[in-house]
Protein backbone atom coordinates (compact mmCIF):
# COMPACT_ATOMS: atom_id res chain seq x y z
CA MET A 1 6.91 2.30 -12.24
CA SER A 2 6.66 6.09 -12.14
CA PRO A 3 4.60 7.30 -8.89
CA ARG A 4 1.55 9.02 -9.36
CA SER A 5 1.35 9.80 -5.54
CA TYR A 6 4.20 10.68 -2.97
CA LEU A 7 2.81 10.96 0.59
CA TYR A 8 4.92 12.73 3.06
CA VAL A 9 5.33 11.09 6.32
CA PRO A 10 6.90 12.79 9.47
CA ALA A 11 10.02 10.54 9.83
CA ASP A 12 9.99 11.24 13.77
CA GLN A 13 6.62 9.72 14.05
CA ASP A 14 6.84 6.01 14.34
CA ASP A 15 2.97 5.29 14.10
CA LYS A 16 2.51 7.18 10.79
CA VAL A 17 5.82 5.54 9.47
CA ALA A 18 4.32 2.09 10.44
CA LYS A 19 0.91 2.97 8.91
CA ALA A 20 2.21 4.58 5.66
CA PRO A 21 2.68 1.58 3.54
CA GLY A 22 -1.25 0.97 3.73
CA SER A 23 -2.01 4.47 2.39
CA GLY A 24 -2.29 3.55 -1.18
CA ALA A 25 0.37 5.80 -2.18
CA ASP A 26 2.78 4.63 -5.02
CA ALA A 27 5.66 6.31 -3.05
CA LEU A 28 6.55 7.40 0.73
CA ILE A 29 8.68 10.40 1.41
CA LEU A 30 9.98 10.07 4.84
CA ASP A 31 10.21 13.82 5.80
CA LEU A 32 13.10 15.45 7.72
CA GLU A 33 12.38 18.83 7.07
CA ASP A 34 8.94 20.74 7.43
CA SER A 35 6.89 18.52 9.49
CA VAL A 36 9.61 17.61 11.99
CA PRO A 37 10.47 20.28 14.77
CA PRO A 38 13.86 21.29 15.20
CA ASP A 39 14.41 19.23 18.44
CA ARG A 40 13.36 15.99 16.64
CA LYS A 41 15.63 16.13 13.73
CA ALA A 42 18.17 13.74 15.00
CA ALA A 43 15.24 11.34 16.03
CA ALA A 44 13.81 11.54 12.57
CA ARG A 45 17.32 10.82 10.93
CA GLU A 46 17.48 7.50 13.14
CA ASN A 47 13.79 6.60 12.48
CA ALA A 48 14.05 7.16 8.78
CA ALA A 49 17.22 4.93 8.56
CA ALA A 50 15.92 2.19 10.48
CA ALA A 51 12.43 2.04 8.46
CA ILE A 52 13.72 2.30 5.03
CA PRO A 53 15.08 -1.43 4.56
CA ALA A 54 11.60 -2.75 5.84
CA LEU A 55 9.40 -0.19 3.77
CA SER A 56 11.27 -0.88 0.50
CA GLY A 57 11.55 -4.66 0.89
CA PRO A 58 10.26 -7.07 -2.10
CA ALA A 59 6.63 -6.26 -1.20
CA GLY A 60 7.17 -2.60 -0.37
CA VAL A 61 6.78 0.82 -1.70
CA GLU A 62 9.26 3.27 -3.36
CA VAL A 63 10.81 5.13 -0.56
CA TRP A 64 12.15 8.53 -0.64
CA ALA A 65 13.61 10.84 2.13
CA ARG A 66 13.29 14.77 2.06
CA ILE A 67 16.28 16.24 3.53
CA ASN A 68 16.82 19.89 5.02
CA ALA A 69 18.47 22.52 2.87
CA ASP A 70 20.70 23.74 5.93
CA THR A 71 21.82 20.06 7.10
CA PRO A 72 22.44 18.20 3.99
CA GLU A 73 25.31 16.48 5.07
CA ALA A 74 23.89 14.95 8.24
CA ASP A 75 20.78 13.97 6.63
CA VAL A 76 22.33 12.24 3.66
CA ALA A 77 24.68 10.27 5.72
CA ALA A 78 21.85 9.05 7.85
CA VAL A 79 19.24 8.12 5.25
CA ALA A 80 20.99 7.04 1.98
CA VAL A 81 21.06 3.37 3.00
CA PRO A 82 20.10 0.36 0.78
CA GLY A 83 16.48 0.30 -0.13
CA LEU A 84 16.13 4.32 -0.43
CA ALA A 85 15.21 5.23 -4.04
CA GLY A 86 16.59 8.94 -3.49
CA ILE A 87 16.34 12.03 -1.68
CA VAL A 88 13.86 14.98 -1.99
CA VAL A 89 16.11 18.37 -2.11
CA PRO A 90 14.05 21.22 -1.07
CA LYS A 91 14.92 24.80 -2.32
CA ALA A 92 16.89 22.97 -5.08
CA GLU A 93 19.21 25.28 -6.74
CA PRO A 94 22.53 24.28 -8.65
CA PRO A 95 24.96 24.60 -5.72
CA LEU A 96 22.80 22.41 -3.29
CA LEU A 97 22.22 19.78 -5.90
CA ALA A 98 26.12 19.62 -6.68
CA LEU A 99 26.59 18.83 -3.10
CA ALA A 100 23.82 16.47 -2.88
CA ASP A 101 25.28 14.55 -5.89
CA LEU A 102 28.89 14.40 -4.07
CA LEU A 103 27.17 13.12 -0.68
CA LEU A 104 25.24 10.64 -2.36
CA THR A 105 28.17 9.31 -4.27
CA ARG A 106 30.21 9.13 -0.90
CA ALA A 107 27.06 7.08 0.55
CA GLU A 108 26.93 4.55 -2.41
CA GLU A 109 30.79 3.84 -1.98
CA ALA A 110 30.33 3.46 1.92
CA HIS A 111 27.32 0.91 1.18
CA GLY A 112 28.98 -0.93 -1.92
CA LEU A 113 26.26 0.22 -4.24
CA ARG A 114 26.55 1.10 -7.84
CA SER A 115 27.02 4.61 -8.84
CA GLY A 116 23.75 6.24 -9.43
CA THR A 117 21.92 4.02 -7.24
CA PHE A 118 20.24 7.08 -5.48
CA ALA A 119 18.22 9.65 -7.41
CA VAL A 120 17.20 13.12 -6.85
CA LEU A 121 13.86 14.69 -6.96
CA ALA A 122 14.42 18.42 -6.91
CA LEU A 123 11.84 20.75 -5.40
CA ILE A 124 11.71 24.24 -7.09
CA GLU A 125 10.62 26.52 -4.09
CA SER A 126 12.69 29.68 -4.75
CA ALA A 127 12.98 32.50 -7.35
CA VAL A 128 16.55 31.18 -8.21
CA GLY A 129 15.17 27.84 -8.76
CA VAL A 130 12.56 28.99 -11.07
CA ALA A 131 14.92 31.18 -12.93
CA GLN A 132 17.43 28.35 -13.46
CA ALA A 133 15.06 25.52 -13.94
CA GLU A 134 16.50 24.29 -16.91
CA ARG A 135 19.67 24.03 -14.81
CA VAL A 136 18.08 22.28 -12.01
CA ALA A 137 16.43 19.75 -14.21
CA ALA A 138 19.78 18.95 -15.93
CA ALA A 139 21.68 18.46 -12.72
CA PRO A 140 23.18 15.08 -11.78
CA ARG A 141 20.82 12.22 -10.42
CA VAL A 142 17.79 14.58 -10.93
CA THR A 143 14.99 12.28 -12.20
CA ARG A 144 12.13 14.67 -11.73
CA LEU A 145 11.16 18.02 -10.52
CA GLY A 146 8.58 19.16 -7.87
CA VAL A 147 7.20 22.41 -6.93
CA GLY A 148 6.72 24.02 -3.62
CA GLU A 149 4.13 26.71 -4.20
CA ALA A 150 3.71 27.99 -0.52
CA ASP A 151 7.42 28.68 -0.51
CA LEU A 152 7.21 30.40 -3.91
CA ALA A 153 4.17 32.47 -3.13
CA GLY A 154 5.93 33.79 0.09
CA GLU A 155 9.07 34.82 -1.54
CA LEU A 156 7.55 36.25 -4.66
CA GLY A 157 4.46 38.22 -2.75
CA LEU A 158 1.92 36.29 -4.50
CA ARG A 159 -1.57 35.92 -2.82
CA PRO A 160 -2.88 32.87 -5.02
CA GLY A 161 -6.58 32.23 -5.42
CA PRO A 162 -8.42 28.98 -4.86
CA ALA A 163 -7.14 27.72 -8.20
CA ARG A 164 -3.67 29.29 -7.98
CA GLU A 165 -3.75 30.79 -11.35
CA GLU A 166 -1.07 33.28 -10.11
CA LEU A 167 1.30 30.22 -10.05
CA TRP A 168 0.41 28.63 -13.34
CA PRO A 169 3.27 30.35 -15.42
CA ILE A 170 5.70 28.80 -12.91
CA ARG A 171 4.21 25.41 -13.35
CA SER A 172 4.58 25.67 -17.34
CA ARG A 173 8.36 26.72 -16.76
CA ILE A 174 8.70 23.55 -14.65
CA VAL A 175 7.11 21.34 -17.38
CA VAL A 176 9.10 22.73 -20.15
CA ALA A 177 12.28 22.32 -18.30
CA SER A 178 11.50 18.63 -17.71
CA ALA A 179 10.69 17.97 -21.04
CA VAL A 180 14.05 19.75 -22.38
CA ALA A 181 16.04 17.57 -19.69
CA GLY A 182 14.21 14.54 -20.81
CA ILE A 183 13.34 13.53 -17.34
CA LEU A 184 9.94 12.50 -16.04
CA PRO A 185 7.16 14.70 -16.02
CA PRO A 186 6.85 16.97 -12.81
CA VAL A 187 5.34 16.22 -9.40
CA GLY A 188 2.51 18.72 -8.40
CA PRO A 189 2.35 20.48 -4.97
CA VAL A 190 0.45 19.43 -1.89
CA GLU A 191 -3.21 20.53 -1.32
CA THR A 192 -3.37 21.54 2.52
CA ALA A 193 -7.05 21.17 2.78
CA VAL A 194 -6.69 17.74 3.41
CA ARG A 195 -10.43 16.90 4.02
CA ASP A 196 -11.55 18.63 1.01
CA LEU A 197 -11.26 15.84 -1.61
CA GLU A 198 -13.23 17.49 -4.19
CA LEU A 199 -10.97 20.59 -4.29
CA LEU A 200 -8.03 18.03 -4.32
CA GLU A 201 -9.63 16.34 -7.43
CA SER A 202 -10.22 19.49 -9.57
CA GLY A 203 -6.70 20.79 -8.58
CA THR A 204 -5.13 17.60 -9.57
CA ARG A 205 -7.15 17.52 -12.90
CA THR A 206 -5.67 20.81 -13.65
CA LEU A 207 -2.15 19.67 -13.11
CA LEU A 208 -2.86 16.86 -15.52
CA ARG A 209 -3.80 19.23 -18.21
CA GLN A 210 -0.82 21.29 -17.50
CA GLY A 211 1.63 18.50 -17.92
CA PHE A 212 2.15 17.13 -14.44
CA ARG A 213 1.90 13.46 -13.94
CA ALA A 214 2.03 12.93 -10.20
CA ARG A 215 1.45 15.13 -6.84
CA THR A 216 2.42 14.91 -3.39
CA ALA A 217 0.06 14.48 -0.59
CA LEU A 218 -0.21 15.30 3.20
CA SER A 219 -2.71 12.82 4.26
CA PRO A 220 -3.38 9.05 3.18
CA ARG A 221 -6.95 9.93 2.32
CA GLN A 222 -5.41 11.98 -0.74
CA SER A 223 -3.37 9.35 -2.20
CA PRO A 224 -6.31 7.37 -3.96
CA VAL A 225 -7.81 10.45 -5.28
CA ILE A 226 -4.47 11.43 -6.96
CA ASN A 227 -3.71 7.95 -8.22
CA GLU A 228 -7.27 8.05 -9.92
CA VAL A 229 -6.90 11.35 -11.58
CA PHE A 230 -3.40 10.33 -13.05
CA THR A 231 -4.81 6.84 -14.16
CA PRO A 232 -6.17 7.04 -17.62
CA SER A 233 -9.91 5.79 -17.55
CA ALA A 234 -10.90 2.57 -19.56
CA GLU A 235 -12.77 4.67 -22.17
CA GLU A 236 -9.57 6.81 -22.70
CA THR A 237 -7.19 3.90 -22.71
CA GLU A 238 -9.60 2.28 -25.48
CA GLU A 239 -9.67 5.29 -27.54
CA ALA A 240 -6.00 5.65 -27.38
CA GLY A 241 -5.20 2.14 -28.50
CA ASP A 242 -7.70 2.52 -31.24
CA LEU A 243 -5.83 5.59 -32.74
CA VAL A 244 -2.58 3.87 -32.67
CA ARG A 245 -4.02 0.75 -34.34
CA ARG A 246 -5.71 2.91 -37.00
CA LEU A 247 -2.59 4.67 -37.86
CA ALA A 248 -0.55 1.40 -37.90
CA GLU A 249 -3.19 0.18 -40.58
CA GLY A 250 -2.92 3.42 -42.53
CA VAL A 251 -6.31 4.82 -41.62
CA THR A 252 -6.30 8.51 -41.24
CA LEU A 253 -9.45 9.16 -39.53
CA ASP A 254 -10.51 8.17 -35.87
CA ALA A 255 -13.90 6.73 -35.14
CA ARG A 256 -15.32 10.35 -34.73
CA GLY A 257 -14.09 11.20 -38.23
CA ARG A 258 -11.20 13.54 -37.01
CA PHE A 259 -7.82 13.54 -38.90
CA ILE A 260 -5.00 11.30 -37.22
CA ASP A 261 -1.75 12.92 -37.31
CA PRO A 262 1.57 11.91 -35.48
CA ALA A 263 1.04 14.59 -32.68
CA VAL A 264 -2.32 12.82 -31.96
CA VAL A 265 -0.96 9.50 -32.00
CA ARG A 266 2.06 10.46 -29.75
CA SER A 267 -0.46 11.75 -27.05
CA ALA A 268 -2.33 8.39 -27.44
CA HIS A 269 0.86 6.36 -26.71
CA GLU A 270 1.43 8.67 -23.54
CA VAL A 271 -1.93 7.71 -22.44
CA LEU A 272 -1.09 3.86 -23.13
CA ALA A 273 2.04 4.34 -21.09
CA ARG A 274 0.40 5.89 -18.05
CA ALA A 275 -2.16 3.13 -18.15
CA ALA A 276 0.62 0.41 -18.26
CA ASN A 277 2.26 2.02 -15.50
CA ALA A 278 -0.98 2.11 -13.37
CA ALA A 279 -1.53 -1.52 -13.85
CA PRO A 280 -1.01 -3.81 -10.89
CA ARG A 281 2.16 -5.77 -10.70
CA PRO A 282 2.24 -9.41 -10.51
């Protein structure tokens, strides 16, 4: 299953970690970075390491951990334990990703895990990261890109409007880099207005049109909205299935009389794949 929603959970707050599995998010990100004060970093590492095995059990959710760019060694040593899906690398640039690969390899060896057990979700949050997006996407273990638009806006001197149009060219760059590398479509940024679910929905639909297929969340209330947007409706799924069947039968027009070509059917297959991805697992 490819997560549609990733919920950030401050790893130093036991109560939030305990409640996180009930959020409805497809994946949890135990956060060691922005949401954790400097004097709580050690506690966050300890709490995350203890929580991962239970959270990721047979009936659990996919669990990630966001490390700090300035303390990758300590963070990875603590959280790269059995049950972890991978790490979220902030301010991702090629040198940091190379170090992350080395640290994860050491962790796999220490725990007797197969090589490649731990994946990397690389957050592009700097000008260098944007300029080298293709290299970031192609780095070892990177299965998905994300984007940190607040950090980018600050570094680039942008003042985004409500729809963040100023950042759309960067979003396109990240979508293209992901496609070139053959990795999963990227993960959209958080919506900080956690109580404004209408804004969250409209912004997430924009991300869907732009080529994103997941989004990070700051609050459990955001996860169901994100999941709904990235899940095709029954009507969309039925129409996609009809297109695929028609082409297989040699029919060149859809139900509305529009021409069916391979590009249209490719999009239909993508809709069907997303619908299957969202289906409840037995």
